[in-house]
C-alpha atoms as a PDB file:
ATOM      1  CA  MET A   1       2.947  13.273 -13.586  1.00  0.00           C
ATOM      2  CA  LYS A   2       3.321  16.594 -11.771  1.00  0.00           C
ATOM      3  CA  LEU A   3       2.934  16.075  -8.021  1.00  0.00           C
ATOM      4  CA  SER A   4       1.696  19.499  -6.924  1.00  0.00           C
ATOM      5  CA  ASN A   5      -1.577  21.279  -6.582  1.00  0.00           C
ATOM      6  CA  ARG A   6      -3.451  17.991  -6.484  1.00  0.00           C
ATOM      7  CA  THR A   7      -5.822  16.351  -4.032  1.00  0.00           C
ATOM      8  CA  ILE A   8      -4.602  13.037  -2.938  1.00  0.00           C
ATOM      9  CA  VAL A   9      -6.128  10.238  -0.842  1.00  0.00           C
ATOM     10  CA  VAL A  10      -3.773   7.980   1.182  1.00  0.00           C
ATOM     11  CA  THR A  11      -5.174   4.902   2.878  1.00  0.00           C
ATOM     12  CA  GLY A  12      -3.261   3.733   5.927  1.00  0.00           C
ATOM     13  CA  GLY A  13      -2.063   7.278   6.266  1.00  0.00           C
ATOM     14  CA  THR A  14      -1.584   7.635   9.967  1.00  0.00           C
ATOM     15  CA  SER A  15       1.586   5.643  10.245  1.00  0.00           C
ATOM     16  CA  GLY A  16       4.518   4.034   8.461  1.00  0.00           C
ATOM     17  CA  ILE A  17       4.781   4.166   4.685  1.00  0.00           C
ATOM     18  CA  GLY A  18       1.411   5.844   4.226  1.00  0.00           C
ATOM     19  CA  LEU A  19       2.137   8.696   6.650  1.00  0.00           C
ATOM     20  CA  ALA A  20       5.688   9.205   5.168  1.00  0.00           C
ATOM     21  CA  PHE A  21       4.298   9.618   1.654  1.00  0.00           C
ATOM     22  CA  ALA A  22       1.442  11.742   2.811  1.00  0.00           C
ATOM     23  CA  LEU A  23       3.809  14.167   4.459  1.00  0.00           C
ATOM     24  CA  ASP A  24       6.132  14.342   1.453  1.00  0.00           C
ATOM     25  CA  LEU A  25       3.205  14.994  -0.860  1.00  0.00           C
ATOM     26  CA  LEU A  26       1.793  17.584   1.534  1.00  0.00           C
ATOM     27  CA  ASN A  27       5.065  19.444   1.444  1.00  0.00           C
ATOM     28  CA  ARG A  28       4.916  19.525  -2.298  1.00  0.00           C
ATOM     29  CA  GLY A  29       1.843  21.773  -2.244  1.00  0.00           C
ATOM     30  CA  ASN A  30      -0.914  19.165  -2.398  1.00  0.00           C
ATOM     31  CA  LYS A  31      -4.114  18.705  -0.400  1.00  0.00           C
ATOM     32  CA  VAL A  32      -3.664  15.302   1.271  1.00  0.00           C
ATOM     33  CA  ILE A  33      -6.443  13.315   2.882  1.00  0.00           C
ATOM     34  CA  VAL A  34      -5.287  10.495   5.077  1.00  0.00           C
ATOM     35  CA  ILE A  35      -7.622   7.605   5.961  1.00  0.00           C
ATOM     36  CA  GLY A  36      -7.439   5.643   9.137  1.00  0.00           C
ATOM     37  CA  ARG A  37      -9.761   3.502  11.191  1.00  0.00           C
ATOM     38  CA  ASN A  38      -9.227   5.098  14.532  1.00  0.00           C
ATOM     39  CA  GLN A  39     -10.547   8.580  15.045  1.00  0.00           C
ATOM     40  CA  ALA A  40      -8.289   9.382  17.991  1.00  0.00           C
ATOM     41  CA  THR A  41      -5.203   8.424  15.975  1.00  0.00           C
ATOM     42  CA  LEU A  42      -6.444  10.525  13.110  1.00  0.00           C
ATOM     43  CA  ASP A  43      -6.892  13.445  15.335  1.00  0.00           C
ATOM     44  CA  GLN A  44      -3.379  12.968  16.888  1.00  0.00           C
ATOM     45  CA  VAL A  45      -1.724  12.815  13.436  1.00  0.00           C
ATOM     46  CA  THR A  46      -3.619  15.798  11.973  1.00  0.00           C
ATOM     47  CA  ASN A  47      -2.952  17.923  14.987  1.00  0.00           C
ATOM     48  CA  LYS A  48       0.760  17.120  14.835  1.00  0.00           C
ATOM     49  CA  HIS A  49       1.050  17.562  11.084  1.00  0.00           C
ATOM     50  CA  LYS A  50      -0.869  20.701  10.221  1.00  0.00           C
ATOM     51  CA  GLY A  51      -2.476  20.547   6.774  1.00  0.00           C
ATOM     52  CA  LEU A  52      -3.209  16.890   6.617  1.00  0.00           C
ATOM     53  CA  ILE A  53      -6.955  16.145   6.399  1.00  0.00           C
ATOM     54  CA  GLY A  54      -8.236  13.139   8.288  1.00  0.00           C
ATOM     55  CA  LEU A  55     -10.997  10.804   7.157  1.00  0.00           C
ATOM     56  CA  GLN A  56     -12.165   8.010   9.390  1.00  0.00           C
ATOM     57  CA  GLY A  57     -12.904   4.778   7.613  1.00  0.00           C
ATOM     58  CA  ASP A  58     -12.064   1.055   7.369  1.00  0.00           C
ATOM     59  CA  VAL A  59     -10.906  -0.203   4.010  1.00  0.00           C
ATOM     60  CA  SER A  60     -11.655  -3.797   5.076  1.00  0.00           C
ATOM     61  CA  ASN A  61     -15.388  -3.029   5.379  1.00  0.00           C
ATOM     62  CA  VAL A  62     -17.114  -2.648   2.099  1.00  0.00           C
ATOM     63  CA  ASN A  63     -19.905  -0.430   3.505  1.00  0.00           C
ATOM     64  CA  SER A  64     -17.296   1.882   4.923  1.00  0.00           C
ATOM     65  CA  VAL A  65     -15.504   2.068   1.555  1.00  0.00           C
ATOM     66  CA  ARG A  66     -18.817   3.014  -0.088  1.00  0.00           C
ATOM     67  CA  GLU A  67     -19.473   5.734   2.441  1.00  0.00           C
ATOM     68  CA  MET A  68     -15.908   7.146   2.063  1.00  0.00           C
ATOM     69  CA  ALA A  69     -16.240   7.141  -1.681  1.00  0.00           C
ATOM     70  CA  ALA A  70     -19.491   9.004  -1.498  1.00  0.00           C
ATOM     71  CA  PHE A  71     -17.950  11.566   0.899  1.00  0.00           C
ATOM     72  CA  LEU A  72     -14.889  12.094  -1.347  1.00  0.00           C
ATOM     73  CA  ARG A  73     -17.124  12.465  -4.491  1.00  0.00           C
ATOM     74  CA  ASP A  74     -19.233  15.147  -2.774  1.00  0.00           C
ATOM     75  CA  ARG A  75     -16.581  17.018  -0.819  1.00  0.00           C
ATOM     76  CA  TYR A  76     -13.440  16.567  -2.806  1.00  0.00           C
ATOM     77  CA  PRO A  77     -14.553  15.836  -6.426  1.00  0.00           C
ATOM     78  CA  GLU A  78     -11.085  16.940  -7.632  1.00  0.00           C
ATOM     79  CA  VAL A  79      -9.292  13.957  -6.120  1.00  0.00           C
ATOM     80  CA  SER A  80      -6.748  12.786  -8.722  1.00  0.00           C
ATOM     81  CA  ILE A  81      -4.404  10.415  -6.888  1.00  0.00           C
ATOM     82  CA  LEU A  82      -5.319   7.381  -4.754  1.00  0.00           C
ATOM     83  CA  PHE A  83      -2.355   5.916  -2.734  1.00  0.00           C
ATOM     84  CA  ASN A  84      -3.314   2.490  -1.397  1.00  0.00           C
ATOM     85  CA  SER A  85      -1.110   1.938   1.617  1.00  0.00           C
ATOM     86  CA  ALA A  86      -3.351   0.320   4.214  1.00  0.00           C
ATOM     87  CA  GLY A  87      -1.937  -3.050   5.284  1.00  0.00           C
ATOM     88  CA  ILE A  88      -1.254  -5.432   8.126  1.00  0.00           C
ATOM     89  CA  MET A  89       1.207  -8.230   8.644  1.00  0.00           C
ATOM     90  CA  ARG A  90       0.764 -11.115  11.070  1.00  0.00           C
ATOM     91  CA  ALA A  91       2.920 -14.046  11.928  1.00  0.00           C
ATOM     92  CA  PHE A  92       1.275 -17.243  13.071  1.00  0.00           C
ATOM     93  CA  GLU A  93       1.638 -20.994  13.062  1.00  0.00           C
ATOM     94  CA  VAL A  94      -1.015 -22.778  10.898  1.00  0.00           C
ATOM     95  CA  MET A  95      -1.182 -25.653  13.470  1.00  0.00           C
ATOM     96  CA  ASP A  96      -1.900 -23.282  16.357  1.00  0.00           C
ATOM     97  CA  SER A  97      -4.980 -24.688  18.011  1.00  0.00           C
ATOM     98  CA  ALA A  98      -5.909 -21.303  19.512  1.00  0.00           C
ATOM     99  CA  LEU A  99      -6.013 -19.624  16.046  1.00  0.00           C
ATOM    100  CA  ASP A 100      -9.428 -18.482  14.968  1.00  0.00           C
ATOM    101  CA  LEU A 101     -10.535 -18.357  11.385  1.00  0.00           C
ATOM    102  CA  GLU A 102     -11.081 -14.547  11.420  1.00  0.00           C
ATOM    103  CA  ARG A 103      -7.446 -13.956  12.246  1.00  0.00           C
ATOM    104  CA  THR A 104      -6.277 -15.997   9.280  1.00  0.00           C
ATOM    105  CA  THR A 105      -8.152 -13.822   6.849  1.00  0.00           C
ATOM    106  CA  ALA A 106      -7.647 -10.359   8.410  1.00  0.00           C
ATOM    107  CA  GLU A 107      -4.847  -9.646   6.016  1.00  0.00           C
ATOM    108  CA  VAL A 108      -6.877 -10.632   3.002  1.00  0.00           C
ATOM    109  CA  GLU A 109      -9.623  -8.190   4.041  1.00  0.00           C
ATOM    110  CA  THR A 110      -7.309  -5.262   4.611  1.00  0.00           C
ATOM    111  CA  ASN A 111      -4.369  -5.742   2.205  1.00  0.00           C
ATOM    112  CA  LEU A 112      -6.126  -7.289  -0.790  1.00  0.00           C
ATOM    113  CA  ASN A 113      -9.869  -6.476  -0.486  1.00  0.00           C
ATOM    114  CA  GLY A 114      -9.149  -3.011   0.820  1.00  0.00           C
ATOM    115  CA  THR A 115      -6.926  -2.243  -2.120  1.00  0.00           C
ATOM    116  CA  ILE A 116      -9.415  -3.569  -4.608  1.00  0.00           C
ATOM    117  CA  TRP A 117     -12.463  -1.995  -3.079  1.00  0.00           C
ATOM    118  CA  MET A 118     -10.873   1.467  -2.680  1.00  0.00           C
ATOM    119  CA  THR A 119      -9.635   1.364  -6.312  1.00  0.00           C
ATOM    120  CA  GLU A 120     -12.964   0.326  -7.656  1.00  0.00           C
ATOM    121  CA  ALA A 121     -14.928   2.861  -5.553  1.00  0.00           C
ATOM    122  CA  LEU A 122     -12.848   5.785  -6.652  1.00  0.00           C
ATOM    123  CA  LEU A 123     -12.285   4.787 -10.276  1.00  0.00           C
ATOM    124  CA  PRO A 124     -15.318   6.741 -11.621  1.00  0.00           C
ATOM    125  CA  GLN A 125     -14.051   9.907  -9.828  1.00  0.00           C
ATOM    126  CA  LEU A 126     -10.420   9.469 -11.010  1.00  0.00           C
ATOM    127  CA  ALA A 127     -11.617   8.821 -14.565  1.00  0.00           C
ATOM    128  CA  ARG A 128     -13.160  12.265 -14.727  1.00  0.00           C
ATOM    129  CA  GLN A 129      -9.817  13.960 -14.195  1.00  0.00           C
ATOM    130  CA  ASN A 130      -7.585  15.074 -16.969  1.00  0.00           C
ATOM    131  CA  GLU A 131      -4.775  13.065 -15.429  1.00  0.00           C
ATOM    132  CA  ALA A 132      -4.966  10.706 -12.468  1.00  0.00           C
ATOM    133  CA  MET A 133      -2.962   8.007 -10.701  1.00  0.00           C
ATOM    134  CA  ILE A 134      -3.490   4.921  -8.622  1.00  0.00           C
ATOM    135  CA  VAL A 135      -0.563   3.635  -6.466  1.00  0.00           C
ATOM    136  CA  THR A 136      -0.685   0.216  -4.882  1.00  0.00           C
ATOM    137  CA  VAL A 137       1.732  -0.978  -2.295  1.00  0.00           C
ATOM    138  CA  SER A 138       2.688  -4.626  -2.537  1.00  0.00           C
ATOM    139  CA  SER A 139       5.908  -6.057  -1.028  1.00  0.00           C
ATOM    140  CA  GLY A 140       9.117  -7.858  -1.963  1.00  0.00           C
ATOM    141  CA  LEU A 141       7.390 -10.808  -0.334  1.00  0.00           C
ATOM    142  CA  SER A 142       4.946 -10.904  -3.246  1.00  0.00           C
ATOM    143  CA  TYR A 143       7.769 -12.661  -5.099  1.00  0.00           C
ATOM    144  CA  VAL A 144       8.993 -15.028  -2.316  1.00  0.00           C
ATOM    145  CA  SER A 145       6.731 -16.333   0.438  1.00  0.00           C
ATOM    146  CA  SER A 146       7.744 -15.751   4.060  1.00  0.00           C
ATOM    147  CA  PRO A 147       6.806 -19.014   5.935  1.00  0.00           C
ATOM    148  CA  LEU A 148       6.440 -16.966   9.176  1.00  0.00           C
ATOM    149  CA  HIS A 149       3.686 -14.915   7.523  1.00  0.00           C
ATOM    150  CA  PRO A 150       1.607 -17.497   5.522  1.00  0.00           C
ATOM    151  CA  VAL A 151      -1.214 -15.053   4.411  1.00  0.00           C
ATOM    152  CA  TYR A 152       0.694 -11.766   4.041  1.00  0.00           C
ATOM    153  CA  SER A 153       2.752 -12.910   1.050  1.00  0.00           C
ATOM    154  CA  ALA A 154      -0.341 -14.272  -0.617  1.00  0.00           C
ATOM    155  CA  THR A 155      -2.166 -10.965  -0.284  1.00  0.00           C
ATOM    156  CA  LYS A 156       0.754  -8.978  -1.573  1.00  0.00           C
ATOM    157  CA  ALA A 157       1.065 -11.337  -4.526  1.00  0.00           C
ATOM    158  CA  GLY A 158      -2.645 -10.645  -5.129  1.00  0.00           C
ATOM    159  CA  VAL A 159      -2.017  -6.961  -5.036  1.00  0.00           C
ATOM    160  CA  HIS A 160       0.742  -7.390  -7.546  1.00  0.00           C
ATOM    161  CA  MET A 161      -1.514  -9.371  -9.942  1.00  0.00           C
ATOM    162  CA  PHE A 162      -4.453  -7.050  -9.510  1.00  0.00           C
ATOM    163  CA  THR A 163      -2.275  -4.048 -10.268  1.00  0.00           C
ATOM    164  CA  ASP A 164      -0.928  -5.543 -13.515  1.00  0.00           C
ATOM    165  CA  ALA A 165      -4.419  -6.362 -14.698  1.00  0.00           C
ATOM    166  CA  LEU A 166      -5.747  -2.999 -13.697  1.00  0.00           C
ATOM    167  CA  ARG A 167      -2.968  -1.211 -15.587  1.00  0.00           C
ATOM    168  CA  ILE A 168      -3.570  -3.210 -18.787  1.00  0.00           C
ATOM    169  CA  GLN A 169      -7.344  -2.610 -18.660  1.00  0.00           C
ATOM    170  CA  LEU A 170      -7.121   1.107 -18.000  1.00  0.00           C
ATOM    171  CA  LYS A 171      -4.400   1.605 -20.720  1.00  0.00           C
ATOM    172  CA  LYS A 172      -7.146   0.759 -23.167  1.00  0.00           C
ATOM    173  CA  SER A 173     -10.173   2.388 -21.692  1.00  0.00           C
ATOM    174  CA  LYS A 174      -8.786   5.284 -19.535  1.00  0.00           C
ATOM    175  CA  PRO A 175      -5.244   6.127 -20.501  1.00  0.00           C
ATOM    176  CA  ASN A 176      -5.441   9.271 -18.341  1.00  0.00           C
ATOM    177  CA  ILE A 177      -5.043   7.052 -15.285  1.00  0.00           C
ATOM    178  CA  HIS A 178      -1.463   6.048 -14.459  1.00  0.00           C
ATOM    179  CA  VAL A 179      -1.101   2.838 -12.369  1.00  0.00           C
ATOM    180  CA  ILE A 180       1.998   2.242 -10.310  1.00  0.00           C
ATOM    181  CA  GLU A 181       3.026  -0.622  -8.041  1.00  0.00           C
ATOM    182  CA  LEU A 182       5.361   0.266  -5.190  1.00  0.00           C
ATOM    183  CA  VAL A 183       7.205  -2.847  -4.017  1.00  0.00           C
ATOM    184  CA  PRO A 184       8.880  -2.050  -0.702  1.00  0.00           C
ATOM    185  CA  PRO A 185      11.579  -4.227   0.895  1.00  0.00           C
ATOM    186  CA  LEU A 186      11.633  -4.335   4.671  1.00  0.00           C
ATOM    187  CA  VAL A 187      11.536  -0.723   5.954  1.00  0.00           C
ATOM    188  CA  ALA A 188      13.548   0.194   9.011  1.00  0.00           C
ATOM    189  CA  GLU A 189      11.096   2.543  10.636  1.00  0.00           C
ATOM    190  CA  THR A 190       8.097   0.269  10.586  1.00  0.00           C
ATOM    191  CA  ASN A 191       7.042  -2.091  13.440  1.00  0.00           C
ATOM    192  CA  LEU A 192       7.631  -5.106  11.205  1.00  0.00           C
ATOM    193  CA  LEU A 193      11.362  -4.912  11.436  1.00  0.00           C
ATOM    194  CA  PRO A 194      12.136  -7.121  14.584  1.00  0.00           C
ATOM    195  CA  ASP A 195       9.685  -9.711  13.360  1.00  0.00           C
ATOM    196  CA  MET A 196      11.136  -9.911   9.865  1.00  0.00           C
ATOM    197  CA  GLN A 197      14.758  -9.744  10.889  1.00  0.00           C
ATOM    198  CA  SER A 198      14.164 -12.905  12.943  1.00  0.00           C
ATOM    199  CA  GLY A 199      13.195 -14.562   9.721  1.00  0.00           C
ATOM    200  CA  GLY A 200      16.334 -14.808   7.599  1.00  0.00           C
ATOM    201  CA  GLY A 201      18.157 -11.556   8.349  1.00  0.00           C
ATOM    202  CA  ILE A 202      16.479  -9.578   5.449  1.00  0.00           C
ATOM    203  CA  PRO A 203      18.184  -6.193   5.049  1.00  0.00           C
ATOM    204  CA  SER A 204      16.095  -3.074   5.490  1.00  0.00           C
ATOM    205  CA  MET A 205      15.768   0.121   3.704  1.00  0.00           C
ATOM    206  CA  SER A 206      15.214   3.606   5.363  1.00  0.00           C
ATOM    207  CA  LEU A 207      11.779   5.130   5.044  1.00  0.00           C
ATOM    208  CA  GLU A 208      13.344   8.281   3.600  1.00  0.00           C
ATOM    209  CA  THR A 209      14.988   6.335   0.823  1.00  0.00           C
ATOM    210  CA  LEU A 210      11.783   4.456  -0.013  1.00  0.00           C
ATOM    211  CA  VAL A 211       9.781   7.642  -0.253  1.00  0.00           C
ATOM    212  CA  LYS A 212      12.406   9.236  -2.478  1.00  0.00           C
ATOM    213  CA  ARG A 213      12.397   6.308  -4.821  1.00  0.00           C
ATOM    214  CA  GLY A 214       8.587   6.124  -4.817  1.00  0.00           C
ATOM    215  CA  ILE A 215       8.133   9.801  -5.544  1.00  0.00           C
ATOM    216  CA  GLN A 216      10.571   9.566  -8.431  1.00  0.00           C
ATOM    217  CA  GLY A 217       8.630   6.717  -9.809  1.00  0.00           C
ATOM    218  CA  MET A 218       5.354   8.581  -9.536  1.00  0.00           C
ATOM    219  CA  GLU A 219       6.776  11.650 -11.207  1.00  0.00           C
ATOM    220  CA  HIS A 220       8.000   9.537 -14.151  1.00  0.00           C
ATOM    221  CA  ASN A 221       4.808   7.370 -14.401  1.00  0.00           C
ATOM    222  CA  LYS A 222       6.748   4.185 -13.760  1.00  0.00           C
ATOM    223  CA  LYS A 223       4.768   0.943 -13.956  1.00  0.00           C
ATOM    224  CA  ARG A 224       6.638  -0.518 -10.983  1.00  0.00           C
ATOM    225  CA  VAL A 225       9.100   0.714  -8.387  1.00  0.00           C
ATOM    226  CA  VAL A 226      11.212  -2.143  -6.992  1.00  0.00           C
ATOM    227  CA  PRO A 227      13.897  -0.730  -4.717  1.00  0.00           C
ATOM    228  CA  GLY A 228      16.586  -2.349  -2.607  1.00  0.00           C
ATOM    229  CA  PHE A 229      16.252  -5.945  -1.512  1.00  0.00           C
ATOM    230  CA  SER A 230      12.929  -6.220  -3.373  1.00  0.00           C
ATOM    231  CA  LYS A 231      15.053  -6.514  -6.554  1.00  0.00           C
ATOM    232  CA  ILE A 232      16.809  -9.556  -5.106  1.00  0.00           C
ATOM    233  CA  LEU A 233      13.503 -11.120  -3.985  1.00  0.00           C
ATOM    234  CA  ARG A 234      12.105 -10.541  -7.497  1.00  0.00           C
ATOM    235  CA  PHE A 235      15.111 -12.375  -9.038  1.00  0.00           C
ATOM    236  CA  ALA A 236      14.940 -15.120  -6.348  1.00  0.00           C
ATOM    237  CA  GLY A 237      11.179 -15.621  -6.961  1.00  0.00           C
ATOM    238  CA  LYS A 238      12.043 -16.540 -10.595  1.00  0.00           C
ATOM    239  CA  TYR A 239      14.937 -18.807 -10.093  1.00  0.00           C
ATOM    240  CA  PHE A 240      15.197 -20.242  -6.553  1.00  0.00           C
ATOM    241  CA  PRO A 241      12.068 -19.294  -4.508  1.00  0.00           C
ATOM    242  CA  ASP A 242      12.139 -22.463  -2.301  1.00  0.00           C
ATOM    243  CA  ALA A 243      15.740 -21.903  -1.128  1.00  0.00           C
ATOM    244  CA  LEU A 244      15.117 -18.378   0.030  1.00  0.00           C
ATOM    245  CA  SER A 245      11.780 -19.225   1.681  1.00  0.00           C
ATOM    246  CA  ASN A 246      13.380 -22.047   3.558  1.00  0.00           C
ATOM    247  CA  ALA A 247      16.268 -19.705   4.675  1.00  0.00           C
ATOM    248  CA  MET A 248      13.670 -17.267   6.082  1.00  0.00           C
ATOM    249  CA  ALA A 249      11.930 -20.058   7.884  1.00  0.00           C
ATOM    250  CA  ARG A 250      15.144 -21.075   9.616  1.00  0.00           C
ATOM    251  CA  GLY A 251      15.893 -17.556  10.782  1.00  0.00           C
END
């Protein structure tokens, strides 16, 4: 798929992986709309990076998703790429007596529900384009669970499964929509690094390298981009998932 002269929506586009991809795509001559929950953060990012368009919204809130979809349909009907990057990662002990139920499901609402809701809400708009693309961001931990993050791995496994099913359905009904799963390993420039390195010494990848690999995959309409240590996790998930999960738990 040609990645220029397109209108692209990036959820979680104010930091980390989302922002890095948004800036790369902007520099390729695209109109890029970044979605974030906090208006002040959006203003800061769009003021710093001229050309980015900010859209305030919360992918974990279904009513907000509906409002964003209606806004995009009316103001940017030419949107042809959705990059689902919004996500959170939390470490907690399941026996923590101070843990509230809402905290245990926060990742489900953002990582999994948010990906599904944004995809479903924008599908009619994407289907009208001559060529369109949906990118979902899962994780190497969709293959092997991190015991320190008991819900995160589950949500990313859900994103992986949803993406596969989505791709197969659309191949039959809407072959003009490409579906790509980006499976990042631990990325050095994100705020997850210290937490994850304490859980098994997982090697990281630079954000620049991840973007390069991801863009190449998008240009070639790859089904799945599994760079760096994510390849090892994919292999381990097939043949010795318990051993690696236990190693990460020991730190």
